[in-house]
N, C-alpha and C. Protein backbone atom coordinates (compact mmCIF):
# COMPACT_ATOMS: atom_id res chain seq x y z
N MET A 1 6.38 -18.22 12.24
CA MET A 1 6.91 -16.91 11.90
C MET A 1 7.56 -17.01 10.39
N ILE A 2 7.44 -16.04 9.65
CA ILE A 2 7.93 -16.10 8.36
C ILE A 2 9.26 -15.21 8.43
N PRO A 3 10.42 -15.75 8.27
CA PRO A 3 11.70 -14.98 8.19
C PRO A 3 11.53 -13.98 6.91
N LEU A 4 12.09 -12.88 7.40
CA LEU A 4 12.11 -11.78 6.44
C LEU A 4 13.50 -11.47 5.74
N ARG A 5 13.76 -11.49 4.41
CA ARG A 5 15.05 -11.02 3.95
C ARG A 5 15.11 -9.59 4.21
N PRO A 6 16.37 -8.99 4.01
CA PRO A 6 16.56 -7.55 4.27
C PRO A 6 15.59 -6.70 3.42
N GLY A 7 15.39 -6.92 2.13
CA GLY A 7 14.48 -6.17 1.34
C GLY A 7 13.14 -5.99 1.89
N ALA A 8 12.69 -7.29 2.43
CA ALA A 8 11.35 -7.30 2.90
C ALA A 8 11.01 -6.53 4.30
N ARG A 9 12.31 -6.70 5.05
CA ARG A 9 12.26 -5.92 6.32
C ARG A 9 12.17 -4.41 6.12
N LEU A 10 12.98 -3.86 4.98
CA LEU A 10 13.14 -2.57 4.71
C LEU A 10 11.52 -2.08 4.16
N ALA A 11 11.01 -2.93 3.31
CA ALA A 11 9.73 -2.62 2.81
C ALA A 11 8.69 -2.43 3.99
N ALA A 12 8.64 -3.38 4.84
CA ALA A 12 7.62 -3.50 6.02
C ALA A 12 8.06 -2.36 6.99
N GLY A 13 9.25 -1.92 7.13
CA GLY A 13 9.61 -0.81 8.01
C GLY A 13 9.15 0.36 7.38
N ILE A 14 9.39 0.66 6.25
CA ILE A 14 8.91 2.02 5.54
C ILE A 14 7.41 2.09 5.65
N LEU A 15 6.69 0.90 5.28
CA LEU A 15 5.28 0.91 5.24
C LEU A 15 4.73 1.20 6.74
N LEU A 16 5.28 0.59 7.75
CA LEU A 16 4.86 0.80 9.22
C LEU A 16 5.13 2.35 9.39
N LEU A 17 6.09 2.98 9.04
CA LEU A 17 6.31 4.51 9.37
C LEU A 17 5.47 5.13 8.61
N ALA A 18 5.00 4.77 7.30
CA ALA A 18 4.01 5.57 6.48
C ALA A 18 2.57 5.49 7.06
N ILE A 19 2.35 4.56 7.86
CA ILE A 19 1.05 4.42 8.67
C ILE A 19 0.86 5.59 9.70
N ILE A 20 2.00 6.19 10.08
CA ILE A 20 2.02 7.38 10.98
C ILE A 20 1.27 8.54 10.18
N GLY A 21 1.58 8.51 8.86
CA GLY A 21 0.88 9.49 7.98
C GLY A 21 -0.56 9.29 7.92
N ILE A 22 -0.97 8.01 7.88
CA ILE A 22 -2.38 7.65 7.79
C ILE A 22 -3.10 8.16 9.13
N GLU A 23 -2.35 8.11 10.16
CA GLU A 23 -2.85 8.58 11.37
C GLU A 23 -3.25 10.19 11.27
N PHE A 24 -2.27 10.90 10.65
CA PHE A 24 -2.48 12.39 10.49
C PHE A 24 -3.58 12.54 9.51
N GLY A 25 -3.69 11.67 8.54
CA GLY A 25 -4.93 11.67 7.68
C GLY A 25 -6.16 11.56 8.33
N GLY A 26 -6.31 10.59 9.27
CA GLY A 26 -7.53 10.40 10.16
C GLY A 26 -7.85 11.61 10.97
N ASN A 27 -6.82 12.34 11.45
CA ASN A 27 -7.03 13.58 12.12
C ASN A 27 -7.60 14.58 11.30
N TYR A 28 -7.04 14.70 10.12
CA TYR A 28 -7.52 15.64 9.14
C TYR A 28 -9.00 15.37 8.66
N CYS A 29 -9.34 14.17 8.48
CA CYS A 29 -10.80 13.67 8.12
C CYS A 29 -11.78 14.12 9.37
N LEU A 30 -11.24 13.83 10.53
CA LEU A 30 -12.05 14.20 11.75
C LEU A 30 -12.24 15.77 11.82
N SER A 31 -11.30 16.44 11.44
CA SER A 31 -11.33 17.86 11.58
C SER A 31 -12.43 18.43 10.57
N LEU A 32 -12.39 17.88 9.40
CA LEU A 32 -13.47 18.23 8.32
C LEU A 32 -14.82 17.93 8.79
N ILE A 33 -14.89 16.92 9.45
CA ILE A 33 -16.33 16.51 9.97
C ILE A 33 -16.73 17.48 11.20
N LEU A 34 -15.82 17.72 12.08
CA LEU A 34 -16.05 18.40 13.20
C LEU A 34 -16.26 20.09 12.68
N ASP A 35 -15.40 20.58 12.01
CA ASP A 35 -15.49 21.92 11.50
C ASP A 35 -15.20 22.09 10.00
N PRO A 36 -16.34 21.76 9.30
CA PRO A 36 -15.93 21.83 7.75
C PRO A 36 -15.60 23.02 7.13
N GLY A 37 -15.88 24.20 7.85
CA GLY A 37 -15.48 25.44 7.35
C GLY A 37 -15.94 25.74 5.81
N GLU A 38 -14.86 25.98 4.98
CA GLU A 38 -15.15 26.25 3.60
C GLU A 38 -14.82 24.97 2.80
N THR A 39 -14.86 23.95 3.37
CA THR A 39 -14.61 22.57 2.66
C THR A 39 -15.89 22.15 1.99
N THR A 40 -15.67 21.78 0.66
CA THR A 40 -16.91 21.31 0.02
C THR A 40 -17.24 19.79 0.26
N GLU A 41 -18.28 19.38 -0.11
CA GLU A 41 -18.82 17.99 0.12
C GLU A 41 -17.89 17.23 -0.71
N PHE A 42 -17.43 17.47 -1.89
CA PHE A 42 -16.54 16.95 -2.76
C PHE A 42 -15.21 16.58 -2.11
N GLN A 43 -14.58 17.46 -1.41
CA GLN A 43 -13.41 17.46 -0.56
C GLN A 43 -13.49 16.65 0.68
N THR A 44 -14.61 16.63 1.25
CA THR A 44 -14.77 15.72 2.48
C THR A 44 -14.96 14.21 1.98
N THR A 45 -15.59 14.05 0.83
CA THR A 45 -15.84 12.73 0.32
C THR A 45 -14.43 12.10 -0.12
N PHE A 46 -13.74 12.98 -0.82
CA PHE A 46 -12.43 12.47 -1.30
C PHE A 46 -11.40 12.23 -0.20
N ALA A 47 -11.37 13.01 0.91
CA ALA A 47 -10.56 12.90 2.01
C ALA A 47 -11.05 11.57 2.70
N ARG A 48 -12.20 11.22 2.78
CA ARG A 48 -12.58 10.05 3.57
C ARG A 48 -12.13 8.76 2.65
N ALA A 49 -12.26 8.89 1.32
CA ALA A 49 -11.96 7.88 0.40
C ALA A 49 -10.38 7.59 0.56
N GLY A 50 -9.61 8.73 0.51
CA GLY A 50 -8.14 8.64 0.55
C GLY A 50 -7.80 7.91 1.83
N HIS A 51 -8.39 8.35 2.82
CA HIS A 51 -7.94 7.80 4.23
C HIS A 51 -8.31 6.33 4.26
N GLY A 52 -9.57 6.01 3.80
CA GLY A 52 -9.87 4.52 3.94
C GLY A 52 -9.00 3.56 3.03
N HIS A 53 -8.73 4.19 1.80
CA HIS A 53 -7.80 3.37 0.96
C HIS A 53 -6.52 3.32 1.48
N ALA A 54 -6.04 4.23 2.09
CA ALA A 54 -4.59 4.31 2.71
C ALA A 54 -4.57 3.15 3.78
N GLY A 55 -5.46 2.98 4.73
CA GLY A 55 -5.51 2.08 5.78
C GLY A 55 -5.56 0.62 5.19
N VAL A 56 -6.60 0.44 4.47
CA VAL A 56 -6.67 -0.92 3.82
C VAL A 56 -5.47 -1.28 3.05
N LEU A 57 -5.01 -0.39 2.19
CA LEU A 57 -3.94 -0.89 1.28
C LEU A 57 -2.57 -0.99 1.98
N ALA A 58 -2.41 -0.19 3.19
CA ALA A 58 -1.19 -0.45 3.89
C ALA A 58 -1.10 -1.74 4.64
N ILE A 59 -2.39 -2.20 5.21
CA ILE A 59 -2.39 -3.40 5.85
C ILE A 59 -2.23 -4.53 4.85
N LEU A 60 -2.90 -4.37 3.77
CA LEU A 60 -2.70 -5.46 2.65
C LEU A 60 -1.31 -5.43 2.15
N GLY A 61 -0.59 -4.30 2.16
CA GLY A 61 0.73 -4.27 1.75
C GLY A 61 1.58 -5.01 2.70
N LEU A 62 1.50 -4.75 4.09
CA LEU A 62 2.18 -5.53 5.03
C LEU A 62 2.11 -7.23 4.80
N ILE A 63 0.79 -7.55 4.58
CA ILE A 63 0.46 -8.96 4.32
C ILE A 63 1.19 -9.32 3.13
N THR A 64 1.08 -8.74 1.92
CA THR A 64 1.79 -9.16 0.85
C THR A 64 3.31 -9.16 0.85
N ILE A 65 3.83 -8.36 1.66
CA ILE A 65 5.33 -8.33 1.86
C ILE A 65 5.64 -9.57 2.50
N CYS A 66 4.98 -9.96 3.53
CA CYS A 66 5.34 -11.34 4.13
C CYS A 66 5.05 -12.40 3.28
N LEU A 67 3.89 -12.50 2.41
CA LEU A 67 3.77 -13.54 1.65
C LEU A 67 4.67 -13.69 0.39
N THR A 68 5.18 -12.56 0.02
CA THR A 68 6.15 -12.60 -1.01
C THR A 68 7.37 -13.40 -0.63
N GLU A 69 7.73 -13.53 0.72
CA GLU A 69 8.82 -14.16 1.17
C GLU A 69 8.55 -15.66 0.93
N GLN A 70 7.41 -16.06 0.65
CA GLN A 70 7.08 -17.51 0.30
C GLN A 70 7.13 -17.95 -1.11
N THR A 71 7.61 -16.97 -2.10
CA THR A 71 7.73 -17.29 -3.44
C THR A 71 9.03 -17.77 -3.74
N ARG A 72 9.35 -18.06 -4.95
CA ARG A 72 10.59 -18.29 -5.55
C ARG A 72 11.14 -17.20 -6.29
N TYR A 73 10.44 -16.11 -6.34
CA TYR A 73 10.94 -14.96 -7.08
C TYR A 73 12.23 -14.38 -6.71
N ARG A 74 12.88 -13.95 -7.70
CA ARG A 74 14.25 -13.25 -7.46
C ARG A 74 14.29 -12.12 -8.41
N GLY A 75 15.08 -11.16 -8.20
CA GLY A 75 15.53 -9.94 -8.99
C GLY A 75 14.24 -9.11 -9.07
N ALA A 76 14.07 -8.78 -10.46
CA ALA A 76 12.96 -7.75 -10.70
C ALA A 76 11.67 -8.19 -10.39
N ALA A 77 11.33 -9.53 -10.59
CA ALA A 77 10.08 -10.17 -10.23
C ALA A 77 9.84 -10.04 -8.74
N LEU A 78 10.88 -10.33 -7.89
CA LEU A 78 10.64 -10.15 -6.44
C LEU A 78 10.44 -8.71 -6.09
N LEU A 79 11.23 -7.77 -6.61
CA LEU A 79 10.97 -6.28 -6.26
C LEU A 79 9.41 -5.99 -6.71
N LEU A 80 8.93 -6.39 -7.69
CA LEU A 80 7.63 -5.90 -8.23
C LEU A 80 6.69 -6.55 -7.34
N ALA A 81 6.83 -7.99 -7.11
CA ALA A 81 5.91 -8.43 -6.15
C ALA A 81 5.81 -7.95 -4.79
N ARG A 82 6.97 -7.60 -4.27
CA ARG A 82 7.11 -7.08 -2.83
C ARG A 82 6.67 -5.73 -2.83
N TRP A 83 6.88 -4.88 -3.80
CA TRP A 83 6.70 -3.38 -3.64
C TRP A 83 5.46 -2.87 -4.19
N SER A 84 4.79 -3.63 -5.28
CA SER A 84 3.70 -3.10 -5.88
C SER A 84 2.49 -2.69 -5.05
N VAL A 85 2.01 -3.55 -4.09
CA VAL A 85 0.91 -3.25 -3.21
C VAL A 85 1.32 -1.95 -2.34
N PRO A 86 2.57 -2.08 -1.68
CA PRO A 86 2.90 -0.98 -0.72
C PRO A 86 2.94 0.46 -1.57
N VAL A 87 3.42 0.37 -2.90
CA VAL A 87 3.38 1.63 -3.77
C VAL A 87 1.98 2.01 -3.99
N SER A 88 0.98 1.05 -4.10
CA SER A 88 -0.39 1.62 -4.39
C SER A 88 -0.95 2.18 -3.10
N ALA A 89 -0.43 1.74 -1.97
CA ALA A 89 -0.98 2.21 -0.72
C ALA A 89 -0.59 3.71 -0.55
N ILE A 90 0.35 4.14 -1.28
CA ILE A 90 0.82 5.64 -1.33
C ILE A 90 0.19 6.36 -2.39
N LEU A 91 0.22 5.66 -3.62
CA LEU A 91 -0.32 6.58 -4.91
C LEU A 91 -1.77 6.68 -4.85
N MET A 92 -2.65 5.74 -4.50
CA MET A 92 -3.99 5.81 -4.58
C MET A 92 -4.64 6.82 -3.54
N PRO A 93 -4.25 6.76 -2.28
CA PRO A 93 -4.62 7.83 -1.43
C PRO A 93 -4.14 9.27 -1.85
N ALA A 94 -2.93 9.38 -2.34
CA ALA A 94 -2.36 10.63 -2.67
C ALA A 94 -3.15 11.16 -3.79
N GLY A 95 -3.64 10.34 -4.71
CA GLY A 95 -4.55 10.76 -5.63
C GLY A 95 -5.92 11.33 -5.22
N PHE A 96 -6.38 10.63 -4.18
CA PHE A 96 -7.73 11.27 -3.62
C PHE A 96 -7.34 12.65 -2.86
N PHE A 97 -6.37 12.62 -2.11
CA PHE A 97 -6.19 13.90 -1.34
C PHE A 97 -5.64 15.03 -2.23
N LEU A 98 -4.66 14.71 -3.14
CA LEU A 98 -4.07 15.90 -3.97
C LEU A 98 -4.93 16.37 -5.11
N SER A 99 -5.88 15.55 -5.60
CA SER A 99 -6.82 15.91 -6.58
C SER A 99 -7.98 16.68 -6.00
N SER A 100 -7.98 16.74 -4.75
CA SER A 100 -9.10 17.63 -4.19
C SER A 100 -8.60 18.71 -3.23
N ALA A 101 -7.38 19.10 -3.42
CA ALA A 101 -6.76 19.99 -2.40
C ALA A 101 -6.95 21.50 -2.55
N ALA A 102 -7.34 21.84 -3.87
CA ALA A 102 -7.59 23.36 -4.32
C ALA A 102 -8.67 23.90 -3.33
N PRO A 103 -8.46 25.09 -2.86
CA PRO A 103 -9.67 25.68 -2.02
C PRO A 103 -10.88 25.74 -2.83
N GLY A 104 -11.98 25.29 -2.20
CA GLY A 104 -13.13 25.21 -2.88
C GLY A 104 -13.48 24.26 -3.97
N ALA A 105 -12.64 23.29 -4.07
CA ALA A 105 -12.69 22.34 -5.19
C ALA A 105 -13.94 21.58 -5.22
N THR A 106 -14.51 21.43 -6.46
CA THR A 106 -15.85 20.77 -6.61
C THR A 106 -15.63 19.60 -7.52
N GLU A 107 -14.44 19.37 -7.99
CA GLU A 107 -14.11 18.17 -8.91
C GLU A 107 -12.70 17.92 -8.96
N PRO A 108 -12.18 16.78 -9.35
CA PRO A 108 -10.75 16.50 -9.15
C PRO A 108 -9.98 17.17 -10.27
N ASN A 109 -8.66 17.48 -9.79
CA ASN A 109 -7.74 18.17 -10.77
C ASN A 109 -6.91 16.97 -11.42
N GLY A 110 -5.91 17.17 -12.26
CA GLY A 110 -5.20 16.21 -12.93
C GLY A 110 -4.50 15.21 -12.10
N LEU A 111 -4.28 15.57 -10.90
CA LEU A 111 -3.66 14.48 -10.01
C LEU A 111 -4.60 13.19 -9.76
N PHE A 112 -5.85 13.37 -10.14
CA PHE A 112 -6.63 12.08 -9.95
C PHE A 112 -6.09 10.97 -10.62
N SER A 113 -5.36 11.12 -11.66
CA SER A 113 -4.65 9.95 -12.45
C SER A 113 -3.82 9.24 -11.49
N LEU A 114 -3.33 9.69 -10.30
CA LEU A 114 -2.56 8.79 -9.39
C LEU A 114 -3.43 7.62 -8.89
N ILE A 115 -4.69 7.85 -8.86
CA ILE A 115 -5.54 6.78 -8.34
C ILE A 115 -5.57 5.64 -9.32
N TYR A 116 -5.57 5.85 -10.56
CA TYR A 116 -5.35 4.88 -11.68
C TYR A 116 -4.04 4.15 -11.76
N VAL A 117 -2.93 4.98 -11.50
CA VAL A 117 -1.60 4.46 -11.56
C VAL A 117 -1.53 3.52 -10.20
N GLY A 118 -2.07 4.10 -9.14
CA GLY A 118 -2.05 3.15 -7.88
C GLY A 118 -2.79 1.87 -8.14
N ALA A 119 -3.87 1.93 -8.80
CA ALA A 119 -4.71 0.86 -9.21
C ALA A 119 -3.94 -0.22 -10.05
N ALA A 120 -3.23 0.28 -10.97
CA ALA A 120 -2.37 -0.42 -11.75
C ALA A 120 -1.30 -1.31 -10.91
N PHE A 121 -0.72 -0.51 -10.12
CA PHE A 121 0.34 -1.23 -9.26
C PHE A 121 -0.29 -2.16 -8.20
N LEU A 122 -1.43 -2.07 -7.81
CA LEU A 122 -2.21 -2.82 -6.98
C LEU A 122 -2.48 -4.09 -7.77
N THR A 123 -3.07 -4.10 -8.86
CA THR A 123 -3.36 -5.27 -9.79
C THR A 123 -2.09 -6.04 -9.97
N LEU A 124 -1.15 -5.23 -10.43
CA LEU A 124 0.13 -5.85 -10.94
C LEU A 124 0.66 -6.74 -9.63
N GLY A 125 0.85 -6.17 -8.47
CA GLY A 125 1.33 -6.82 -7.22
C GLY A 125 0.44 -8.10 -6.84
N LEU A 126 -0.92 -7.89 -7.06
CA LEU A 126 -1.64 -9.14 -6.70
C LEU A 126 -1.52 -10.17 -7.53
N ILE A 127 -1.49 -9.82 -8.85
CA ILE A 127 -1.37 -11.00 -9.90
C ILE A 127 -0.07 -11.65 -9.74
N MET A 128 1.01 -10.88 -9.60
CA MET A 128 2.25 -11.45 -9.43
C MET A 128 2.39 -12.22 -8.25
N LEU A 129 1.85 -11.84 -7.05
CA LEU A 129 1.97 -12.60 -5.79
C LEU A 129 1.17 -13.90 -5.94
N GLY A 130 -0.07 -13.66 -6.39
CA GLY A 130 -0.87 -14.96 -6.57
C GLY A 130 -0.27 -15.91 -7.36
N ILE A 131 0.40 -15.66 -8.46
CA ILE A 131 1.13 -16.48 -9.39
C ILE A 131 2.28 -17.26 -8.66
N GLY A 132 3.05 -16.29 -7.95
CA GLY A 132 4.16 -16.82 -7.25
C GLY A 132 3.81 -17.71 -6.19
N LEU A 133 2.72 -17.43 -5.54
CA LEU A 133 2.28 -18.42 -4.39
C LEU A 133 1.81 -19.78 -4.98
N LEU A 134 1.18 -19.72 -6.27
CA LEU A 134 0.56 -20.89 -6.88
C LEU A 134 1.69 -21.89 -7.47
N ARG A 135 2.88 -21.14 -7.83
CA ARG A 135 3.84 -22.01 -8.54
C ARG A 135 4.66 -23.06 -7.58
N PRO A 136 4.42 -24.32 -7.88
CA PRO A 136 5.19 -25.41 -7.16
C PRO A 136 6.65 -25.09 -7.24
N GLY A 137 7.30 -25.78 -6.23
CA GLY A 137 8.83 -25.71 -6.37
C GLY A 137 9.36 -25.91 -4.94
N PRO A 138 10.87 -25.87 -5.02
CA PRO A 138 11.57 -26.18 -3.85
C PRO A 138 11.27 -24.83 -2.71
N GLU A 139 11.93 -24.93 -1.58
CA GLU A 139 11.89 -23.97 -0.57
C GLU A 139 11.90 -22.52 -1.17
N PRO A 140 11.03 -21.61 -0.71
CA PRO A 140 11.05 -20.20 -1.34
C PRO A 140 12.43 -19.69 -1.17
N HIS A 141 13.14 -19.65 -0.09
CA HIS A 141 14.36 -19.11 0.02
C HIS A 141 15.09 -19.90 1.20
N ALA A 142 16.50 -19.69 1.31
CA ALA A 142 17.33 -20.35 2.26
C ALA A 142 17.05 -20.04 3.71
N ALA A 143 16.50 -18.82 3.86
CA ALA A 143 16.23 -18.50 5.42
C ALA A 143 15.02 -19.24 5.97
N ALA A 144 14.08 -19.67 5.09
CA ALA A 144 12.88 -20.42 5.49
C ALA A 144 13.46 -21.78 6.05
N ALA A 145 14.29 -22.44 5.10
CA ALA A 145 15.02 -23.73 5.46
C ALA A 145 15.63 -23.66 6.69
N SER A 146 16.60 -22.74 6.73
CA SER A 146 17.26 -22.67 8.05
C SER A 146 16.54 -22.39 9.43
N ALA A 147 15.40 -21.52 9.18
CA ALA A 147 14.58 -21.17 10.31
C ALA A 147 13.87 -22.52 10.80
N ARG A 148 13.58 -23.47 9.87
CA ARG A 148 12.88 -24.77 10.46
C ARG A 148 13.93 -25.54 11.05
N THR A 149 15.26 -25.51 10.70
CA THR A 149 16.12 -26.45 11.27
C THR A 149 16.50 -25.84 12.62
N LEU A 150 16.44 -24.48 12.86
CA LEU A 150 16.73 -23.92 14.20
C LEU A 150 15.43 -24.17 15.20
N ALA A 151 14.28 -24.35 14.59
CA ALA A 151 13.06 -24.52 15.48
C ALA A 151 12.95 -25.78 16.19
C-alpha cells in the first residue's frame, strides 16, 4: 500500500467526490440517446466525448496522485505533479459540455478552449510525474520509510 500524505489524501478525496458528477453526466448522455428531443448530433457527440474523457481522466488522476507519492518532489513541483492530471479531468470534459450547451448548437462556442487548457495540464502532469519517477534518489518521503518499518 502506498501511504498518502495529507495533500494526496485531499486530492484523491476531491476527485472521488467529483466522480459522482461523472455519474450524472452518464445519466445525461443516456437521456440524450433515449430521448434526443431537440438535441443536435453535435451536442450528443460532444456530450459523449465529455463523459468519456471525464471517466478516463478521473481514473488516471487517481493513479497519478498515488504515483506522485513515490517521487522526491516538494513544494510547487509536488503540487503540479499531483494536481495537473486531476485538473485536466475537470477542464477537458467541461470544455466539451459547456461549448455545446446552447440550445440547438451545431458548433462549439468559445469555451471549447477549456479542452486545450485541460490538455496542457494533462501533458504537464504526465511529463512531471514521468520525470519524477525516473529520477534516482533516496526514499520518496518519510511516510514510505516508516510504513516499511511497521510492516
